[in-house]
N, C-alpha and C. Protein backbone atom coordinates (compact mmCIF):
# COMPACT_ATOMS: atom_id res chain seq x y z
N MET A 1 -44.86 -130.58 -2.95
CA MET A 1 -44.04 -130.31 -1.53
C MET A 1 -44.25 -131.61 -1.86
N GLY A 2 -42.94 -132.26 -1.08
CA GLY A 2 -42.00 -133.37 -1.12
C GLY A 2 -42.21 -133.74 1.21
N ILE A 3 -41.73 -134.73 1.11
CA ILE A 3 -41.79 -135.65 2.06
C ILE A 3 -41.45 -134.30 3.59
N ASP A 4 -40.80 -133.70 3.55
CA ASP A 4 -39.67 -132.51 4.40
C ASP A 4 -41.23 -131.44 4.30
N ASP A 5 -41.59 -131.28 3.95
CA ASP A 5 -42.93 -130.95 3.33
C ASP A 5 -43.80 -130.40 4.16
N PHE A 6 -44.40 -131.69 3.86
CA PHE A 6 -45.33 -132.62 4.52
C PHE A 6 -44.85 -132.95 6.14
N ALA A 7 -44.17 -133.05 6.57
CA ALA A 7 -43.94 -132.61 7.63
C ALA A 7 -43.29 -131.25 8.18
N ALA A 8 -43.33 -130.87 7.85
CA ALA A 8 -43.12 -129.08 8.49
C ALA A 8 -44.73 -127.84 8.57
N TRP A 9 -46.15 -128.85 7.40
CA TRP A 9 -47.39 -127.59 7.82
C TRP A 9 -47.43 -127.87 8.78
N PRO A 10 -47.45 -129.21 10.17
CA PRO A 10 -48.64 -128.60 10.69
C PRO A 10 -47.65 -127.17 12.04
N ALA A 11 -45.97 -127.71 12.17
CA ALA A 11 -45.69 -126.33 12.38
C ALA A 11 -45.98 -124.74 11.35
N PHE A 12 -45.54 -125.11 11.02
CA PHE A 12 -45.69 -123.51 10.03
C PHE A 12 -47.24 -123.41 10.13
N ALA A 13 -48.15 -124.02 9.56
CA ALA A 13 -50.33 -123.88 10.02
C ALA A 13 -49.90 -122.70 11.46
N LYS A 14 -49.25 -123.73 12.33
CA LYS A 14 -49.96 -123.09 13.53
C LYS A 14 -48.70 -121.86 13.65
N LEU A 15 -48.03 -121.11 12.82
CA LEU A 15 -47.04 -120.52 12.83
C LEU A 15 -48.28 -119.44 12.44
N LEU A 16 -48.94 -120.16 10.75
CA LEU A 16 -49.93 -118.58 10.23
C LEU A 16 -51.02 -118.19 11.38
N GLY A 17 -51.67 -120.01 12.34
CA GLY A 17 -52.46 -119.25 13.26
C GLY A 17 -52.52 -118.40 14.64
N THR A 18 -51.28 -118.03 14.38
CA THR A 18 -51.14 -116.89 15.39
C THR A 18 -50.92 -115.84 14.56
N VAL A 19 -50.70 -115.24 13.74
CA VAL A 19 -51.33 -113.77 12.96
C VAL A 19 -52.32 -113.21 13.04
N ASN A 20 -53.26 -111.98 13.14
CA ASN A 20 -54.06 -112.06 12.82
C ASN A 20 -54.43 -112.24 10.89
N VAL A 21 -55.66 -112.17 10.61
CA VAL A 21 -56.01 -112.73 8.89
C VAL A 21 -57.28 -111.80 8.84
N GLY A 22 -56.86 -110.80 7.68
CA GLY A 22 -57.26 -110.04 7.66
C GLY A 22 -57.31 -108.68 6.74
N GLN A 23 -58.20 -107.85 7.51
CA GLN A 23 -58.63 -106.25 8.28
C GLN A 23 -57.31 -105.86 8.94
N SER A 24 -57.70 -106.67 10.21
CA SER A 24 -57.20 -106.29 11.63
C SER A 24 -55.58 -106.84 11.33
N ALA A 25 -54.68 -107.92 10.86
CA ALA A 25 -53.90 -108.19 10.02
C ALA A 25 -52.91 -107.44 10.67
N LYS A 26 -51.73 -107.57 11.65
CA LYS A 26 -50.37 -106.54 11.74
C LYS A 26 -49.46 -106.96 11.08
N ALA A 27 -48.32 -107.03 10.43
CA ALA A 27 -47.57 -106.83 9.08
C ALA A 27 -46.62 -108.08 10.33
N GLN A 28 -46.02 -108.52 9.89
CA GLN A 28 -44.71 -109.23 9.95
C GLN A 28 -43.72 -109.73 9.47
N PRO A 29 -42.57 -109.56 10.23
CA PRO A 29 -41.33 -109.70 9.63
C PRO A 29 -41.50 -111.02 8.54
N ILE A 30 -41.07 -110.77 6.99
CA ILE A 30 -40.80 -111.99 5.76
C ILE A 30 -39.73 -111.44 5.67
N TYR A 31 -38.91 -112.41 4.59
CA TYR A 31 -37.89 -112.87 3.97
C TYR A 31 -37.53 -112.98 2.66
N HIS A 32 -37.29 -113.20 1.66
CA HIS A 32 -37.43 -113.11 1.21
C HIS A 32 -36.37 -112.32 -0.61
N PRO A 33 -35.51 -113.12 -0.74
CA PRO A 33 -34.47 -112.51 -1.88
C PRO A 33 -34.95 -111.83 -2.23
N ASP A 34 -36.06 -112.19 -3.41
CA ASP A 34 -36.78 -110.78 -4.38
C ASP A 34 -37.56 -110.00 -4.35
N LEU A 35 -37.62 -110.44 -2.57
CA LEU A 35 -39.21 -109.04 -1.75
C LEU A 35 -37.47 -107.68 -0.96
N VAL A 36 -36.39 -108.24 -1.52
CA VAL A 36 -35.45 -107.52 -0.14
C VAL A 36 -35.56 -106.49 -1.32
N ASP A 37 -35.35 -106.85 -3.14
CA ASP A 37 -35.10 -105.94 -3.25
C ASP A 37 -35.83 -104.85 -4.04
N VAL A 38 -37.15 -105.44 -3.63
CA VAL A 38 -38.61 -104.18 -3.80
C VAL A 38 -38.21 -103.65 -2.17
N GLY A 39 -37.64 -103.07 -1.67
CA GLY A 39 -37.75 -102.65 -0.58
C GLY A 39 -38.64 -103.38 0.43
N ILE A 40 -39.89 -105.25 0.51
CA ILE A 40 -40.45 -105.61 1.24
C ILE A 40 -39.78 -106.03 2.62
N SER A 41 -40.09 -105.90 3.80
CA SER A 41 -39.56 -106.28 4.58
C SER A 41 -40.64 -107.46 5.67
N SER A 42 -41.89 -106.52 5.94
CA SER A 42 -42.43 -107.25 6.30
C SER A 42 -43.96 -107.65 5.13
N ALA A 43 -44.73 -108.17 5.53
CA ALA A 43 -46.49 -108.92 5.30
C ALA A 43 -47.38 -109.46 6.14
N CYS A 44 -48.87 -109.11 5.61
CA CYS A 44 -49.39 -109.42 6.18
C CYS A 44 -50.21 -110.76 5.82
N VAL A 45 -50.64 -111.63 6.49
CA VAL A 45 -51.62 -113.00 5.64
C VAL A 45 -52.78 -112.51 5.84
N SER A 46 -53.71 -112.63 4.70
CA SER A 46 -54.51 -111.94 4.43
C SER A 46 -56.14 -112.90 4.39
N SER A 47 -55.07 -114.27 4.02
CA SER A 47 -55.86 -115.19 3.76
C SER A 47 -55.24 -116.84 3.33
N ILE A 48 -55.66 -117.52 4.13
CA ILE A 48 -55.20 -119.41 4.18
C ILE A 48 -56.35 -119.95 3.75
N GLY A 49 -56.06 -120.73 2.31
CA GLY A 49 -57.29 -121.36 1.46
C GLY A 49 -56.51 -122.68 2.36
N GLY A 50 -58.37 -123.63 1.99
CA GLY A 50 -58.03 -125.06 2.56
C GLY A 50 -56.73 -125.72 1.17
N ALA A 51 -56.04 -127.13 1.76
CA ALA A 51 -55.99 -128.27 1.08
C ALA A 51 -56.39 -128.70 -0.35
N VAL A 52 -55.85 -128.81 -1.38
CA VAL A 52 -56.46 -128.89 -2.78
C VAL A 52 -55.44 -129.41 -2.98
N TYR A 53 -55.82 -131.13 -3.49
CA TYR A 53 -54.90 -132.33 -3.47
C TYR A 53 -54.73 -133.23 -4.48
N ASP A 54 -53.92 -133.23 -5.49
CA ASP A 54 -53.67 -132.61 -6.87
C ASP A 54 -53.78 -134.64 -6.92
N GLY A 55 -54.72 -135.13 -6.80
CA GLY A 55 -54.33 -137.02 -7.00
C GLY A 55 -53.55 -137.72 -6.54
N THR A 56 -52.00 -137.32 -6.39
CA THR A 56 -50.81 -138.46 -7.10
C THR A 56 -50.38 -138.38 -5.56
N GLY A 57 -51.12 -137.51 -4.20
CA GLY A 57 -50.54 -137.32 -3.19
C GLY A 57 -48.87 -136.26 -2.62
N GLY A 58 -49.55 -135.64 -3.30
CA GLY A 58 -49.06 -133.74 -3.13
C GLY A 58 -50.40 -133.17 -3.00
N MET A 59 -50.64 -132.08 -2.49
CA MET A 59 -51.22 -131.35 -2.03
C MET A 59 -51.27 -129.56 -1.90
N THR A 60 -51.84 -128.37 -2.85
CA THR A 60 -51.38 -127.33 -2.66
C THR A 60 -52.59 -126.29 -1.81
N ILE A 61 -51.88 -125.44 -0.68
CA ILE A 61 -52.80 -124.49 0.27
C ILE A 61 -51.67 -123.32 -0.42
N ALA A 62 -53.27 -122.46 -0.38
CA ALA A 62 -52.76 -121.43 -1.04
C ALA A 62 -52.42 -119.98 -0.37
N ILE A 63 -51.72 -118.99 0.50
CA ILE A 63 -51.86 -118.52 1.69
C ILE A 63 -51.62 -117.15 0.95
N GLY A 64 -52.56 -115.69 1.27
CA GLY A 64 -52.60 -115.04 0.24
C GLY A 64 -51.99 -114.13 1.40
N PHE A 65 -50.85 -112.78 1.25
CA PHE A 65 -50.24 -111.85 1.55
C PHE A 65 -50.43 -110.19 0.77
N THR A 66 -50.54 -109.61 2.14
CA THR A 66 -50.60 -108.00 1.24
C THR A 66 -49.16 -107.61 2.09
N GLU A 67 -48.62 -106.93 0.95
CA GLU A 67 -47.80 -106.68 1.32
C GLU A 67 -46.97 -105.45 2.26
N TYR A 68 -46.67 -104.63 2.98
CA TYR A 68 -46.55 -103.57 4.00
C TYR A 68 -44.96 -103.10 3.83
N ARG A 69 -45.13 -102.08 3.47
CA ARG A 69 -43.91 -100.60 3.44
C ARG A 69 -44.35 -99.74 4.31
N ALA A 70 -43.67 -99.00 5.10
CA ALA A 70 -44.09 -98.43 5.65
C ALA A 70 -43.86 -96.89 4.76
N PRO A 71 -44.61 -95.75 5.21
CA PRO A 71 -44.33 -94.59 4.47
C PRO A 71 -43.97 -93.89 4.85
N LYS A 72 -43.08 -93.47 4.13
CA LYS A 72 -42.35 -92.34 3.90
C LYS A 72 -43.00 -91.19 4.05
N LYS A 73 -42.04 -90.71 5.60
CA LYS A 73 -42.47 -89.39 6.09
C LYS A 73 -42.10 -88.45 5.36
N ILE A 74 -43.09 -87.21 5.03
CA ILE A 74 -43.27 -86.00 4.39
C ILE A 74 -43.07 -84.78 5.48
N ALA A 75 -41.89 -83.89 5.38
CA ALA A 75 -41.71 -82.81 5.94
C ALA A 75 -43.01 -82.42 5.13
N ALA A 76 -44.05 -82.08 6.25
CA ALA A 76 -45.24 -81.27 6.37
C ALA A 76 -44.90 -80.22 6.96
N THR A 77 -45.78 -79.37 6.49
CA THR A 77 -45.42 -77.33 6.99
C THR A 77 -47.13 -76.96 6.75
N ALA A 78 -47.33 -76.40 8.41
CA ALA A 78 -48.42 -75.49 8.21
C ALA A 78 -48.41 -74.71 7.90
N VAL A 79 -50.01 -74.19 6.98
CA VAL A 79 -50.42 -73.88 6.00
C VAL A 79 -51.20 -73.12 5.96
N LYS A 80 -51.63 -71.60 6.45
CA LYS A 80 -53.14 -71.04 7.07
C LYS A 80 -53.63 -70.60 5.74
N ALA A 81 -55.46 -71.64 5.27
CA ALA A 81 -56.15 -70.69 4.52
C ALA A 81 -56.58 -69.36 5.20
N ALA A 82 -56.54 -68.24 3.69
CA ALA A 82 -57.32 -67.16 3.57
C ALA A 82 -58.71 -67.22 4.53
N PRO A 83 -59.13 -66.27 4.94
CA PRO A 83 -60.12 -66.22 5.67
C PRO A 83 -60.77 -66.19 4.43
N PRO A 84 -62.18 -67.04 4.42
CA PRO A 84 -63.18 -66.92 3.80
C PRO A 84 -64.44 -65.90 2.42
N ALA A 85 -63.82 -65.44 1.46
CA ALA A 85 -64.50 -64.08 0.96
C ALA A 85 -66.24 -64.16 1.48
N ALA A 86 -66.85 -62.81 1.88
CA ALA A 86 -68.17 -62.31 2.01
C ALA A 86 -68.45 -63.15 1.20
N ASN A 87 -69.89 -63.67 2.12
CA ASN A 87 -70.52 -64.17 0.71
C ASN A 87 -70.44 -65.60 0.23
N ASP A 88 -69.02 -66.04 0.76
CA ASP A 88 -68.53 -67.08 -0.24
C ASP A 88 -69.78 -68.79 0.07
N PRO A 89 -70.01 -68.36 -1.40
CA PRO A 89 -71.22 -69.58 -1.10
C PRO A 89 -70.52 -71.78 -1.25
N ASN A 90 -69.19 -71.72 -1.15
CA ASN A 90 -68.36 -72.29 -0.16
C ASN A 90 -68.06 -72.61 1.22
N ALA A 91 -68.25 -71.85 1.43
CA ALA A 91 -67.36 -71.16 2.71
C ALA A 91 -67.61 -72.53 3.70
N ASP A 92 -68.60 -73.36 3.97
CA ASP A 92 -69.49 -74.31 4.80
C ASP A 92 -67.73 -75.37 4.47
N VAL A 93 -68.05 -75.75 3.44
CA VAL A 93 -67.73 -76.98 2.36
C VAL A 93 -65.77 -76.81 3.46
N GLN A 94 -65.66 -74.78 2.71
CA GLN A 94 -64.10 -75.42 3.14
C GLN A 94 -63.83 -75.34 4.76
N ALA A 95 -64.93 -74.81 4.99
CA ALA A 95 -64.44 -75.00 7.19
C ALA A 95 -64.75 -76.68 7.36
N HIS A 96 -65.01 -77.33 6.43
CA HIS A 96 -65.21 -79.00 7.01
C HIS A 96 -63.92 -79.75 6.95
N ILE A 97 -63.34 -79.41 4.96
CA ILE A 97 -62.39 -79.54 4.85
C ILE A 97 -60.93 -79.46 5.54
N GLY A 98 -60.94 -78.35 5.95
CA GLY A 98 -59.82 -77.88 7.20
C GLY A 98 -60.22 -78.81 8.19
N ARG A 99 -61.62 -78.90 9.18
CA ARG A 99 -61.63 -79.85 10.21
C ARG A 99 -61.61 -80.89 9.56
N LEU A 100 -61.80 -81.45 8.73
CA LEU A 100 -60.80 -82.52 8.50
C LEU A 100 -59.15 -82.79 8.08
N LEU A 101 -58.42 -81.64 7.77
CA LEU A 101 -57.27 -81.05 7.83
C LEU A 101 -56.30 -81.86 8.87
N ALA A 102 -57.60 -80.75 10.31
CA ALA A 102 -56.86 -80.55 11.58
C ALA A 102 -56.56 -81.85 11.78
N VAL A 103 -57.97 -82.86 12.00
CA VAL A 103 -57.11 -84.19 12.30
C VAL A 103 -56.62 -85.44 11.47
N TYR A 104 -56.50 -85.35 9.90
CA TYR A 104 -54.90 -86.12 9.55
C TYR A 104 -53.87 -85.08 10.11
N GLN A 105 -53.60 -84.41 10.47
CA GLN A 105 -52.68 -83.92 11.16
C GLN A 105 -51.95 -84.26 12.21
N ARG A 106 -53.41 -85.15 13.12
CA ARG A 106 -52.75 -85.53 14.45
C ARG A 106 -52.18 -87.51 14.24
N THR A 107 -52.83 -87.46 13.53
CA THR A 107 -51.99 -88.93 13.06
C THR A 107 -50.33 -89.10 11.53
N PRO A 108 -50.48 -90.55 12.10
CA PRO A 108 -49.43 -90.55 12.17
C PRO A 108 -48.92 -90.06 10.58
N TYR A 109 -49.36 -90.61 9.90
CA TYR A 109 -49.46 -89.97 8.21
C TYR A 109 -49.58 -88.31 8.17
N GLY A 110 -49.36 -88.09 9.22
CA GLY A 110 -49.77 -86.18 8.54
C GLY A 110 -48.73 -85.51 8.70
């Protein structure tokens, strides 16, 4: 870290403190030329480590990010399942799967 990095750290730390960390994190816009090349424009802060001093006046703080890329929408077509055959041993499982698929279809990913 240079002198400017030390001076800028409090403001950057404050910015990091305004975003959610961990499972409830919301993706925030991020820019780096290497990330643009792979289509990543948002990230979530997953962890913030403590300062590790190197003994020569420098320090390192590890910040973990989880990349975020919105899932691609695919066209979904409704498919009706064939009625269960008489005495089908899997009828209850198939019915449960059908209910789960109906719930999934109501999500943004369905």
